[in-house]
Amino acid sequence: MRLCAYCKSAGPLTREEIFPKFLSEKVGYTTFVDQTRDGAVLGPVTVRDVCEQCNGVRLSALDNYVASLSASVGDATRLDPNSRDESHFGAQR
């Protein structure tokens, strides 16, 4: 039996989104390439490696915290990974 990647419990494992929804929307990526599935995946890419407690409580709290940080560093503008503009990080020059 596989163990939870976080707490190592042997309980049933649930699906966890690799990229939280807020992050996918923030950077503008909604299509992912998953080589194990032979092509593009529309929608969230998931992995079944966490128990319900870790997924629904611990990781949910972490996702919510990071989403609130993300919201506090800028408006709803998308982050461009190729941009050199650091203004959305509050950088002072």
C-alpha atoms as a PDB file:
ATOM      1  CA  MET A   1       0.000   0.000   0.000  1.00  0.00           C
ATOM      2  CA  ARG A   2       1.245   3.482  -0.855  1.00  0.00           C
ATOM      3  CA  LEU A   3       1.730   5.996   1.935  1.00  0.00           C
ATOM      4  CA  CYS A   4       0.723   9.647   2.070  1.00  0.00           C
ATOM      5  CA  ALA A   5       3.577  11.786   0.752  1.00  0.00           C
ATOM      6  CA  TYR A   6       3.212  14.190   3.704  1.00  0.00           C
ATOM      7  CA  CYS A   7       2.221  12.317   6.865  1.00  0.00           C
ATOM      8  CA  LYS A   8       3.145   8.770   5.759  1.00  0.00           C
ATOM      9  CA  SER A   9      -0.256   7.373   6.823  1.00  0.00           C
ATOM     10  CA  ALA A  10      -1.503   4.266   5.045  1.00  0.00           C
ATOM     11  CA  GLY A  11      -5.041   5.606   4.590  1.00  0.00           C
ATOM     12  CA  PRO A  12      -6.765   5.932   1.213  1.00  0.00           C
ATOM     13  CA  LEU A  13      -5.108   8.506  -1.016  1.00  0.00           C
ATOM     14  CA  THR A  14      -6.922  11.389  -2.709  1.00  0.00           C
ATOM     15  CA  ARG A  15      -6.150  13.434  -5.795  1.00  0.00           C
ATOM     16  CA  GLU A  16      -4.072  16.562  -5.265  1.00  0.00           C
ATOM     17  CA  GLU A  17      -3.728  19.271  -7.906  1.00  0.00           C
ATOM     18  CA  ILE A  18      -0.069  19.736  -8.797  1.00  0.00           C
ATOM     19  CA  PHE A  19      -0.664  23.423  -9.552  1.00  0.00           C
ATOM     20  CA  PRO A  20      -3.361  24.991  -7.346  1.00  0.00           C
ATOM     21  CA  LYS A  21      -6.185  26.580  -9.337  1.00  0.00           C
ATOM     22  CA  PHE A  22      -5.327  30.124  -8.189  1.00  0.00           C
ATOM     23  CA  LEU A  23      -1.747  29.688  -9.414  1.00  0.00           C
ATOM     24  CA  SER A  24      -2.764  28.334 -12.817  1.00  0.00           C
ATOM     25  CA  GLU A  25      -5.116  31.278 -13.258  1.00  0.00           C
ATOM     26  CA  LYS A  26      -2.545  33.801 -11.998  1.00  0.00           C
ATOM     27  CA  VAL A  27       0.114  32.762 -14.514  1.00  0.00           C
ATOM     28  CA  GLY A  28      -2.387  32.069 -17.281  1.00  0.00           C
ATOM     29  CA  TYR A  29      -1.672  28.373 -17.781  1.00  0.00           C
ATOM     30  CA  THR A  30      -4.702  26.140 -18.199  1.00  0.00           C
ATOM     31  CA  THR A  31      -3.288  23.455 -20.500  1.00  0.00           C
ATOM     32  CA  PHE A  32      -0.485  21.214 -19.361  1.00  0.00           C
ATOM     33  CA  VAL A  33       1.564  18.585 -21.131  1.00  0.00           C
ATOM     34  CA  ASP A  34       1.698  15.313 -19.242  1.00  0.00           C
ATOM     35  CA  GLN A  35       4.012  12.826 -20.901  1.00  0.00           C
ATOM     36  CA  THR A  36       2.464   9.960 -18.938  1.00  0.00           C
ATOM     37  CA  ARG A  37      -0.911  10.701 -20.580  1.00  0.00           C
ATOM     38  CA  ASP A  38       0.325  11.105 -24.160  1.00  0.00           C
ATOM     39  CA  GLY A  39      -0.366  14.767 -24.726  1.00  0.00           C
ATOM     40  CA  ALA A  40      -2.100  17.850 -23.438  1.00  0.00           C
ATOM     41  CA  VAL A  41      -4.331  17.796 -20.407  1.00  0.00           C
ATOM     42  CA  LEU A  42      -7.051  20.420 -20.265  1.00  0.00           C
ATOM     43  CA  GLY A  43      -7.706  21.322 -16.692  1.00  0.00           C
ATOM     44  CA  PRO A  44      -5.875  20.526 -13.512  1.00  0.00           C
ATOM     45  CA  VAL A  45      -3.134  17.933 -13.474  1.00  0.00           C
ATOM     46  CA  THR A  46      -3.499  15.737 -10.417  1.00  0.00           C
ATOM     47  CA  VAL A  47      -1.570  13.091  -8.603  1.00  0.00           C
ATOM     48  CA  ARG A  48      -2.985  10.601  -6.110  1.00  0.00           C
ATOM     49  CA  ASP A  49      -0.388  10.756  -3.344  1.00  0.00           C
ATOM     50  CA  VAL A  50      -1.928  12.453  -0.294  1.00  0.00           C
ATOM     51  CA  CYS A  51      -4.448  11.326   2.310  1.00  0.00           C
ATOM     52  CA  GLU A  52      -7.758  13.124   2.773  1.00  0.00           C
ATOM     53  CA  GLN A  53      -6.599  14.834   5.990  1.00  0.00           C
ATOM     54  CA  CYS A  54      -3.469  16.277   4.379  1.00  0.00           C
ATOM     55  CA  ASN A  55      -5.246  17.237   1.145  1.00  0.00           C
ATOM     56  CA  GLY A  56      -8.373  18.739   2.688  1.00  0.00           C
ATOM     57  CA  VAL A  57      -6.866  20.385   5.744  1.00  0.00           C
ATOM     58  CA  ARG A  58      -3.111  20.886   5.647  1.00  0.00           C
ATOM     59  CA  LEU A  59      -2.590  21.492   1.921  1.00  0.00           C
ATOM     60  CA  SER A  60      -5.841  23.427   1.625  1.00  0.00           C
ATOM     61  CA  ALA A  61      -4.649  25.804   4.341  1.00  0.00           C
ATOM     62  CA  LEU A  62      -1.302  26.157   2.567  1.00  0.00           C
ATOM     63  CA  ASP A  63      -2.996  26.856  -0.801  1.00  0.00           C
ATOM     64  CA  ASN A  64      -5.251  29.470   0.827  1.00  0.00           C
ATOM     65  CA  TYR A  65      -2.292  31.159   2.532  1.00  0.00           C
ATOM     66  CA  VAL A  66      -0.233  31.339  -0.669  1.00  0.00           C
ATOM     67  CA  ALA A  67      -3.291  32.567  -2.611  1.00  0.00           C
ATOM     68  CA  SER A  68      -3.736  35.388  -0.078  1.00  0.00           C
ATOM     69  CA  LEU A  69      -0.052  36.329  -0.436  1.00  0.00           C
ATOM     70  CA  SER A  70      -0.419  36.284  -4.197  1.00  0.00           C
ATOM     71  CA  ALA A  71      -3.438  38.572  -4.002  1.00  0.00           C
ATOM     72  CA  SER A  72      -1.581  40.988  -1.733  1.00  0.00           C
ATOM     73  CA  VAL A  73       1.338  41.538  -4.154  1.00  0.00           C
ATOM     74  CA  GLY A  74      -0.734  42.830  -7.021  1.00  0.00           C
ATOM     75  CA  ASP A  75      -4.049  42.977  -8.729  1.00  0.00           C
ATOM     76  CA  ALA A  76      -5.430  40.330 -11.058  1.00  0.00           C
ATOM     77  CA  THR A  77      -2.711  40.891 -13.650  1.00  0.00           C
ATOM     78  CA  ARG A  78      -1.035  37.771 -14.934  1.00  0.00           C
ATOM     79  CA  LEU A  79       2.568  37.098 -14.100  1.00  0.00           C
ATOM     80  CA  ASP A  80       4.780  36.630 -17.145  1.00  0.00           C
ATOM     81  CA  PRO A  81       7.631  34.234 -16.333  1.00  0.00           C
ATOM     82  CA  ASN A  82       9.731  35.877 -19.081  1.00  0.00           C
ATOM     83  CA  SER A  83       9.197  39.415 -17.820  1.00  0.00           C
ATOM     84  CA  ARG A  84      11.909  41.365 -16.040  1.00  0.00           C
ATOM     85  CA  ASP A  85       9.258  43.571 -14.443  1.00  0.00           C
ATOM     86  CA  GLU A  86       9.498  42.985 -10.693  1.00  0.00           C
ATOM     87  CA  SER A  87       6.976  45.649  -9.663  1.00  0.00           C
ATOM     88  CA  HIS A  88       4.382  43.023  -8.739  1.00  0.00           C
ATOM     89  CA  PHE A  89       6.851  41.754  -6.099  1.00  0.00           C
ATOM     90  CA  GLY A  90       7.097  45.175  -4.466  1.00  0.00           C
ATOM     91  CA  ALA A  91      10.769  45.536  -5.399  1.00  0.00           C
ATOM     92  CA  GLN A  92      12.291  48.924  -4.703  1.00  0.00           C
ATOM     93  CA  ARG A  93      15.162  50.137  -6.853  1.00  0.00           C
END
